[in-house]
């Protein structure tokens, strides 16, 4: 992770894979998995969407601001735009 920057996470050029394996269910399991994780292409080489990268940005924002992601989303995006969150359900066939 030493070559991965917040910019590479935000632009999906970190080389991190799309998602974690299905068997990882807890933060402890993820942290153990992350110690063995290698990037696919190397930082800033090419675009590859990564849920892991977006998750790491969320975790970093929560750590720095001491607010959870939902609080940040509401206070920094929804409220200034006068928007309200909506309930959203993904159909089973699309999960």
N, C-alpha and C. Protein backbone atom coordinates (compact mmCIF):
# COMPACT_ATOMS: atom_id res chain seq x y z
N UNK A 1 0.81 -1.21 0.00
CA UNK A 1 0.00 0.00 0.00
C UNK A 1 0.85 1.27 0.00
N UNK A 2 2.15 1.14 0.09
CA UNK A 2 3.00 2.33 0.20
C UNK A 2 2.97 3.21 -1.04
N UNK A 3 2.60 2.68 -2.19
CA UNK A 3 2.56 3.49 -3.41
C UNK A 3 1.16 4.00 -3.74
N UNK A 4 0.18 3.61 -2.93
CA UNK A 4 -1.21 4.01 -3.19
C UNK A 4 -1.50 5.34 -2.51
N UNK A 5 -2.04 6.27 -3.27
CA UNK A 5 -2.38 7.59 -2.74
C UNK A 5 -3.90 7.74 -2.69
N UNK A 6 -4.36 8.75 -1.97
CA UNK A 6 -5.79 9.04 -1.95
C UNK A 6 -6.25 9.37 -3.36
N UNK A 7 -5.41 10.06 -4.11
CA UNK A 7 -5.77 10.39 -5.50
C UNK A 7 -5.95 9.13 -6.33
N UNK A 8 -5.05 8.16 -6.19
CA UNK A 8 -5.19 6.93 -6.97
C UNK A 8 -6.42 6.14 -6.53
N UNK A 9 -6.78 6.22 -5.26
CA UNK A 9 -8.02 5.57 -4.80
C UNK A 9 -9.23 6.26 -5.42
N UNK A 10 -9.24 7.58 -5.40
CA UNK A 10 -10.39 8.35 -5.89
C UNK A 10 -10.55 8.25 -7.40
N UNK A 11 -9.45 8.06 -8.12
CA UNK A 11 -9.52 7.98 -9.59
C UNK A 11 -9.50 6.55 -10.10
N UNK A 12 -9.55 5.59 -9.18
CA UNK A 12 -9.56 4.17 -9.53
C UNK A 12 -8.33 3.76 -10.33
N UNK A 13 -7.18 4.30 -9.95
CA UNK A 13 -5.92 3.92 -10.58
C UNK A 13 -4.95 3.33 -9.57
N UNK A 14 -5.48 2.83 -8.46
CA UNK A 14 -4.63 2.27 -7.41
C UNK A 14 -4.14 0.87 -7.72
N UNK A 15 -4.80 0.19 -8.65
CA UNK A 15 -4.45 -1.19 -8.96
C UNK A 15 -5.08 -2.19 -8.02
N UNK A 16 -5.92 -1.73 -7.11
CA UNK A 16 -6.61 -2.64 -6.19
C UNK A 16 -7.71 -3.39 -6.95
N UNK A 17 -8.00 -4.62 -6.55
CA UNK A 17 -9.04 -5.38 -7.24
C UNK A 17 -10.42 -4.80 -7.02
N UNK A 18 -11.38 -5.29 -7.82
CA UNK A 18 -12.75 -4.80 -7.76
C UNK A 18 -13.38 -5.01 -6.39
N UNK A 19 -13.22 -6.20 -5.81
CA UNK A 19 -13.85 -6.47 -4.52
C UNK A 19 -13.05 -7.50 -3.74
N UNK A 20 -13.43 -7.65 -2.48
CA UNK A 20 -12.79 -8.66 -1.64
C UNK A 20 -13.44 -10.02 -1.90
N UNK A 21 -12.75 -11.09 -1.55
CA UNK A 21 -13.35 -12.43 -1.70
C UNK A 21 -14.63 -12.55 -0.86
N UNK A 22 -15.54 -13.38 -1.32
CA UNK A 22 -16.85 -13.57 -0.68
C UNK A 22 -16.74 -14.05 0.76
N UNK A 23 -15.67 -14.78 1.11
CA UNK A 23 -15.56 -15.37 2.44
C UNK A 23 -15.17 -14.38 3.53
N UNK A 24 -14.83 -13.17 3.18
CA UNK A 24 -14.43 -12.17 4.17
C UNK A 24 -15.68 -11.47 4.68
N UNK A 25 -15.91 -11.60 5.98
CA UNK A 25 -17.17 -11.10 6.57
C UNK A 25 -16.97 -10.07 7.68
N UNK A 26 -15.73 -9.87 8.15
CA UNK A 26 -15.53 -8.94 9.26
C UNK A 26 -14.34 -8.02 8.97
N UNK A 27 -14.24 -6.96 9.75
CA UNK A 27 -13.12 -6.04 9.59
C UNK A 27 -11.80 -6.74 9.89
N UNK A 28 -11.76 -7.59 10.92
CA UNK A 28 -10.54 -8.34 11.24
C UNK A 28 -10.11 -9.22 10.07
N UNK A 29 -11.07 -9.92 9.46
CA UNK A 29 -10.75 -10.76 8.30
C UNK A 29 -10.25 -9.91 7.15
N UNK A 30 -10.84 -8.72 6.95
CA UNK A 30 -10.40 -7.85 5.87
C UNK A 30 -8.97 -7.36 6.12
N UNK A 31 -8.69 -6.97 7.35
CA UNK A 31 -7.35 -6.48 7.66
C UNK A 31 -6.30 -7.57 7.45
N UNK A 32 -6.62 -8.80 7.80
CA UNK A 32 -5.70 -9.91 7.56
C UNK A 32 -5.51 -10.11 6.05
N UNK A 33 -6.60 -10.09 5.29
CA UNK A 33 -6.54 -10.20 3.83
C UNK A 33 -5.70 -9.07 3.23
N UNK A 34 -5.88 -7.86 3.74
CA UNK A 34 -5.18 -6.70 3.20
C UNK A 34 -3.66 -6.80 3.34
N UNK A 35 -3.19 -7.50 4.36
CA UNK A 35 -1.74 -7.62 4.54
C UNK A 35 -1.09 -8.45 3.44
N UNK A 36 -1.87 -9.24 2.73
CA UNK A 36 -1.32 -10.07 1.65
C UNK A 36 -1.70 -9.53 0.28
N UNK A 37 -2.47 -8.47 0.24
CA UNK A 37 -3.01 -7.94 -1.02
C UNK A 37 -1.92 -7.27 -1.85
N UNK A 38 -1.90 -7.61 -3.11
CA UNK A 38 -0.99 -6.98 -4.08
C UNK A 38 -1.85 -6.25 -5.10
N UNK A 39 -1.37 -5.11 -5.57
CA UNK A 39 -2.12 -4.37 -6.58
C UNK A 39 -1.97 -5.07 -7.92
N UNK A 40 -2.99 -4.95 -8.77
CA UNK A 40 -2.99 -5.62 -10.07
C UNK A 40 -2.07 -4.95 -11.07
N UNK A 41 -2.05 -3.62 -11.09
CA UNK A 41 -1.29 -2.93 -12.12
C UNK A 41 -0.29 -1.93 -11.57
N UNK A 42 -0.38 -1.59 -10.33
CA UNK A 42 0.48 -0.56 -9.77
C UNK A 42 -0.20 0.79 -9.82
N UNK A 43 0.12 1.63 -8.88
CA UNK A 43 -0.55 2.92 -8.75
C UNK A 43 -0.40 3.79 -9.99
N UNK A 44 -1.49 4.45 -10.31
CA UNK A 44 -1.55 5.47 -11.37
C UNK A 44 -1.23 4.95 -12.76
N UNK A 45 -1.35 3.65 -13.00
CA UNK A 45 -1.04 3.10 -14.32
C UNK A 45 -2.27 3.08 -15.23
N UNK A 46 -3.37 2.50 -14.76
CA UNK A 46 -4.56 2.43 -15.59
C UNK A 46 -5.81 2.38 -14.71
N UNK A 47 -6.93 2.78 -15.31
CA UNK A 47 -8.20 2.82 -14.61
C UNK A 47 -8.74 1.41 -14.42
N UNK A 48 -9.15 1.10 -13.18
CA UNK A 48 -9.85 -0.15 -12.87
C UNK A 48 -10.69 0.11 -11.64
N UNK A 49 -12.02 0.10 -11.81
CA UNK A 49 -12.90 0.40 -10.69
C UNK A 49 -12.62 -0.56 -9.54
N UNK A 50 -12.63 -0.04 -8.31
CA UNK A 50 -12.36 -0.85 -7.14
C UNK A 50 -13.26 -0.45 -5.98
N UNK A 51 -14.13 -1.38 -5.56
CA UNK A 51 -14.92 -1.16 -4.35
C UNK A 51 -14.00 -1.06 -3.14
N UNK A 52 -12.90 -1.80 -3.16
CA UNK A 52 -11.94 -1.74 -2.06
C UNK A 52 -11.39 -0.32 -1.93
N UNK A 53 -11.03 0.29 -3.04
CA UNK A 53 -10.50 1.66 -3.02
C UNK A 53 -11.49 2.66 -2.47
N UNK A 54 -12.73 2.57 -2.91
CA UNK A 54 -13.77 3.48 -2.41
C UNK A 54 -14.00 3.25 -0.92
N UNK A 55 -13.98 1.99 -0.51
CA UNK A 55 -14.13 1.68 0.92
C UNK A 55 -13.01 2.27 1.75
N UNK A 56 -11.78 2.22 1.22
CA UNK A 56 -10.64 2.80 1.94
C UNK A 56 -10.75 4.32 2.06
N UNK A 57 -11.27 4.97 1.03
CA UNK A 57 -11.50 6.42 1.12
C UNK A 57 -12.52 6.71 2.21
N UNK A 58 -13.60 5.95 2.24
CA UNK A 58 -14.61 6.14 3.28
C UNK A 58 -14.03 5.94 4.66
N UNK A 59 -13.22 4.90 4.82
CA UNK A 59 -12.59 4.62 6.11
C UNK A 59 -11.65 5.77 6.51
N UNK A 60 -10.87 6.27 5.55
CA UNK A 60 -9.97 7.39 5.84
C UNK A 60 -10.75 8.64 6.24
N UNK A 61 -11.84 8.93 5.54
CA UNK A 61 -12.67 10.09 5.88
C UNK A 61 -13.26 9.96 7.27
N UNK A 62 -13.74 8.77 7.61
CA UNK A 62 -14.29 8.55 8.95
C UNK A 62 -13.21 8.74 10.02
N UNK A 63 -12.02 8.27 9.75
CA UNK A 63 -10.92 8.37 10.71
C UNK A 63 -10.52 9.82 10.94
N UNK A 64 -10.43 10.59 9.86
CA UNK A 64 -9.99 11.98 9.96
C UNK A 64 -11.06 12.88 10.57
N UNK A 65 -12.32 12.65 10.21
CA UNK A 65 -13.39 13.55 10.65
C UNK A 65 -14.10 13.09 11.92
N UNK A 66 -13.89 11.86 12.31
CA UNK A 66 -14.58 11.28 13.48
C UNK A 66 -16.09 11.26 13.29
N UNK A 67 -16.54 11.13 12.05
CA UNK A 67 -17.95 10.98 11.71
C UNK A 67 -18.09 9.73 10.85
N UNK A 68 -19.26 9.08 10.92
CA UNK A 68 -19.42 7.92 10.04
C UNK A 68 -19.77 8.41 8.64
N UNK A 69 -19.63 7.49 7.69
CA UNK A 69 -19.81 7.84 6.29
C UNK A 69 -21.18 8.43 6.00
N UNK A 70 -22.23 7.87 6.61
CA UNK A 70 -23.58 8.41 6.40
C UNK A 70 -23.71 9.84 6.90
N UNK A 71 -23.12 10.13 8.06
CA UNK A 71 -23.15 11.51 8.58
C UNK A 71 -22.43 12.45 7.61
N UNK A 72 -21.29 12.03 7.12
CA UNK A 72 -20.52 12.86 6.18
C UNK A 72 -21.32 13.10 4.90
N UNK A 73 -21.89 12.04 4.35
CA UNK A 73 -22.66 12.15 3.12
C UNK A 73 -23.81 13.15 3.28
N UNK A 74 -24.50 13.05 4.41
CA UNK A 74 -25.62 13.98 4.64
C UNK A 74 -25.14 15.41 4.85
N UNK A 75 -24.11 15.59 5.70
CA UNK A 75 -23.69 16.96 6.04
C UNK A 75 -22.92 17.66 4.93
N UNK A 76 -22.22 16.91 4.09
CA UNK A 76 -21.38 17.53 3.06
C UNK A 76 -21.99 17.53 1.67
N UNK A 77 -22.96 16.64 1.43
CA UNK A 77 -23.53 16.56 0.08
C UNK A 77 -25.04 16.80 0.09
N UNK A 78 -25.79 15.96 0.80
CA UNK A 78 -27.25 16.07 0.74
C UNK A 78 -27.78 17.38 1.32
N UNK A 79 -27.39 17.72 2.54
CA UNK A 79 -27.92 18.93 3.18
C UNK A 79 -27.58 20.20 2.41
N UNK A 80 -26.31 20.43 1.98
CA UNK A 80 -26.03 21.65 1.22
C UNK A 80 -26.83 21.76 -0.08
N UNK A 81 -27.19 20.63 -0.66
CA UNK A 81 -27.96 20.64 -1.91
C UNK A 81 -29.46 20.60 -1.67
N UNK A 82 -29.88 20.58 -0.40
CA UNK A 82 -31.30 20.55 -0.07
C UNK A 82 -31.95 19.22 -0.45
N UNK A 83 -31.18 18.15 -0.43
CA UNK A 83 -31.68 16.83 -0.82
C UNK A 83 -31.94 15.97 0.42
N UNK A 84 -32.83 15.01 0.27
CA UNK A 84 -33.14 14.05 1.32
C UNK A 84 -32.74 12.66 0.83
N UNK A 85 -32.21 11.82 1.74
CA UNK A 85 -31.91 10.44 1.32
C UNK A 85 -33.20 9.69 1.00
N UNK A 86 -33.10 8.74 0.08
CA UNK A 86 -34.27 7.94 -0.27
C UNK A 86 -33.98 6.47 0.04
N UNK A 87 -35.03 5.72 0.27
CA UNK A 87 -34.88 4.27 0.48
C UNK A 87 -34.66 3.64 -0.90
N UNK A 88 -33.70 2.76 -0.97
CA UNK A 88 -33.36 2.13 -2.24
C UNK A 88 -33.15 0.64 -2.02
N UNK A 89 -33.81 -0.16 -2.80
CA UNK A 89 -33.68 -1.60 -2.69
C UNK A 89 -33.21 -2.16 -4.02
N UNK A 90 -32.17 -2.99 -3.97
CA UNK A 90 -31.66 -3.64 -5.18
C UNK A 90 -32.44 -4.93 -5.40
N UNK A 91 -33.01 -5.11 -6.58
CA UNK A 91 -33.73 -6.35 -6.86
C UNK A 91 -32.81 -7.57 -6.71
N UNK A 92 -33.36 -8.68 -6.21
CA UNK A 92 -32.57 -9.88 -5.96
C UNK A 92 -31.77 -10.32 -7.18
N UNK A 93 -32.36 -10.24 -8.37
CA UNK A 93 -31.68 -10.70 -9.57
C UNK A 93 -30.46 -9.84 -9.93
N UNK A 94 -30.35 -8.65 -9.35
CA UNK A 94 -29.23 -7.76 -9.63
C UNK A 94 -28.17 -7.74 -8.53
N UNK A 95 -28.42 -8.45 -7.42
CA UNK A 95 -27.47 -8.46 -6.31
C UNK A 95 -26.23 -9.27 -6.66
